[in-house]
């Protein structure tokens, strides 16, 4: 499964980050790594809200063989 980090920065500066294809809670490790990289660049991305995907959302992305079907492994940081 392909791993992706999708970042959307709104007009008011609110950032939403979505992690796709990360097994289990490895997306949290990636979020910490990303925050460190952004900090080195002078950007402070402090998580306000973290929204793990439900089992149903994950099931919609992955078929029984573990192949990615579509869309998201959502964890939002604002």
C-alpha atoms as a PDB file:
ATOM      1  CA  UNK A   1       0.000   0.000   0.000  1.00  0.00           C
ATOM      2  CA  UNK A   2       1.303   3.423  -0.930  1.00  0.00           C
ATOM      3  CA  UNK A   3       1.891   5.812   1.939  1.00  0.00           C
ATOM      4  CA  UNK A   4       0.882   9.427   1.491  1.00  0.00           C
ATOM      5  CA  UNK A   5       0.760  12.519   3.643  1.00  0.00           C
ATOM      6  CA  UNK A   6      -1.778  15.006   2.325  1.00  0.00           C
ATOM      7  CA  UNK A   7      -1.547  18.553   3.632  1.00  0.00           C
ATOM      8  CA  UNK A   8      -4.147  21.254   3.120  1.00  0.00           C
ATOM      9  CA  UNK A   9      -3.546  24.803   4.361  1.00  0.00           C
ATOM     10  CA  UNK A  10      -6.670  26.928   4.388  1.00  0.00           C
ATOM     11  CA  UNK A  11      -6.938  30.663   3.755  1.00  0.00           C
ATOM     12  CA  UNK A  12      -6.900  31.359   7.511  1.00  0.00           C
ATOM     13  CA  UNK A  13      -3.739  29.284   8.006  1.00  0.00           C
ATOM     14  CA  UNK A  14      -5.467  26.242   9.473  1.00  0.00           C
ATOM     15  CA  UNK A  15      -3.645  23.088   8.441  1.00  0.00           C
ATOM     16  CA  UNK A  16      -5.241  19.677   7.963  1.00  0.00           C
ATOM     17  CA  UNK A  17      -2.952  16.692   7.536  1.00  0.00           C
ATOM     18  CA  UNK A  18      -4.227  13.325   6.400  1.00  0.00           C
ATOM     19  CA  UNK A  19      -2.152  10.165   6.565  1.00  0.00           C
ATOM     20  CA  UNK A  20      -3.001   7.480   4.022  1.00  0.00           C
ATOM     21  CA  UNK A  21      -1.677   3.905   4.035  1.00  0.00           C
ATOM     22  CA  UNK A  22       0.094   3.904   7.407  1.00  0.00           C
ATOM     23  CA  UNK A  23      -0.554   0.702   9.356  1.00  0.00           C
ATOM     24  CA  UNK A  24      -1.794   0.941  12.920  1.00  0.00           C
ATOM     25  CA  UNK A  25      -0.608   4.004  14.747  1.00  0.00           C
ATOM     26  CA  UNK A  26       2.552   4.591  12.680  1.00  0.00           C
ATOM     27  CA  UNK A  27       0.922   7.772  11.389  1.00  0.00           C
ATOM     28  CA  UNK A  28       1.520   9.315  14.822  1.00  0.00           C
ATOM     29  CA  UNK A  29       5.269   8.680  14.442  1.00  0.00           C
ATOM     30  CA  UNK A  30       5.163  10.291  11.012  1.00  0.00           C
ATOM     31  CA  UNK A  31       3.237  13.260  12.414  1.00  0.00           C
ATOM     32  CA  UNK A  32       5.989  13.847  14.980  1.00  0.00           C
ATOM     33  CA  UNK A  33       8.657  13.583  12.280  1.00  0.00           C
ATOM     34  CA  UNK A  34       6.771  16.027  10.056  1.00  0.00           C
ATOM     35  CA  UNK A  35       6.321  18.493  12.938  1.00  0.00           C
ATOM     36  CA  UNK A  36      10.085  18.345  13.565  1.00  0.00           C
ATOM     37  CA  UNK A  37      10.877  19.028   9.919  1.00  0.00           C
ATOM     38  CA  UNK A  38       8.453  21.951   9.801  1.00  0.00           C
ATOM     39  CA  UNK A  39       9.931  23.332  13.031  1.00  0.00           C
ATOM     40  CA  UNK A  40      13.420  23.259  11.478  1.00  0.00           C
ATOM     41  CA  UNK A  41      11.972  25.378   8.679  1.00  0.00           C
ATOM     42  CA  UNK A  42      10.593  27.889  11.190  1.00  0.00           C
ATOM     43  CA  UNK A  43       6.996  26.645  10.989  1.00  0.00           C
ATOM     44  CA  UNK A  44       5.248  25.619  14.184  1.00  0.00           C
ATOM     45  CA  UNK A  45       2.560  23.005  13.532  1.00  0.00           C
ATOM     46  CA  UNK A  46       1.034  22.198  16.900  1.00  0.00           C
ATOM     47  CA  UNK A  47      -1.693  19.521  16.851  1.00  0.00           C
ATOM     48  CA  UNK A  48      -4.962  20.842  18.194  1.00  0.00           C
ATOM     49  CA  UNK A  49      -7.243  18.006  17.151  1.00  0.00           C
ATOM     50  CA  UNK A  50      -6.349  14.427  16.238  1.00  0.00           C
ATOM     51  CA  UNK A  51      -9.121  12.410  14.623  1.00  0.00           C
ATOM     52  CA  UNK A  52      -8.281   8.735  14.093  1.00  0.00           C
ATOM     53  CA  UNK A  53     -10.259   6.942  11.421  1.00  0.00           C
ATOM     54  CA  UNK A  54     -12.925   4.503  12.460  1.00  0.00           C
ATOM     55  CA  UNK A  55     -12.726   0.820  11.577  1.00  0.00           C
ATOM     56  CA  UNK A  56     -15.428   1.442   8.987  1.00  0.00           C
ATOM     57  CA  UNK A  57     -13.427   4.233   7.318  1.00  0.00           C
ATOM     58  CA  UNK A  58     -10.344   2.038   7.180  1.00  0.00           C
ATOM     59  CA  UNK A  59     -12.384  -0.874   5.795  1.00  0.00           C
ATOM     60  CA  UNK A  60     -13.628   1.358   2.984  1.00  0.00           C
ATOM     61  CA  UNK A  61     -10.003   2.039   1.998  1.00  0.00           C
ATOM     62  CA  UNK A  62      -8.665  -1.471   2.187  1.00  0.00           C
ATOM     63  CA  UNK A  63     -10.059  -4.695   0.797  1.00  0.00           C
ATOM     64  CA  UNK A  64      -9.689  -8.085   2.516  1.00  0.00           C
ATOM     65  CA  UNK A  65      -6.246  -8.667   0.952  1.00  0.00           C
ATOM     66  CA  UNK A  66      -4.996  -5.416   2.460  1.00  0.00           C
ATOM     67  CA  UNK A  67      -4.902  -3.588  -0.863  1.00  0.00           C
ATOM     68  CA  UNK A  68      -5.682   0.096  -0.892  1.00  0.00           C
ATOM     69  CA  UNK A  69      -9.038   0.787  -2.523  1.00  0.00           C
ATOM     70  CA  UNK A  70      -9.155   4.558  -2.311  1.00  0.00           C
ATOM     71  CA  UNK A  71      -8.838   7.588  -0.082  1.00  0.00           C
ATOM     72  CA  UNK A  72      -7.852   8.177   3.489  1.00  0.00           C
ATOM     73  CA  UNK A  73      -6.183   7.270   6.750  1.00  0.00           C
ATOM     74  CA  UNK A  74      -7.287  10.470   8.398  1.00  0.00           C
ATOM     75  CA  UNK A  75      -5.588  12.144  11.234  1.00  0.00           C
ATOM     76  CA  UNK A  76      -6.215  15.849  11.305  1.00  0.00           C
ATOM     77  CA  UNK A  77      -3.894  18.331  12.894  1.00  0.00           C
ATOM     78  CA  UNK A  78      -5.007  21.893  13.127  1.00  0.00           C
END
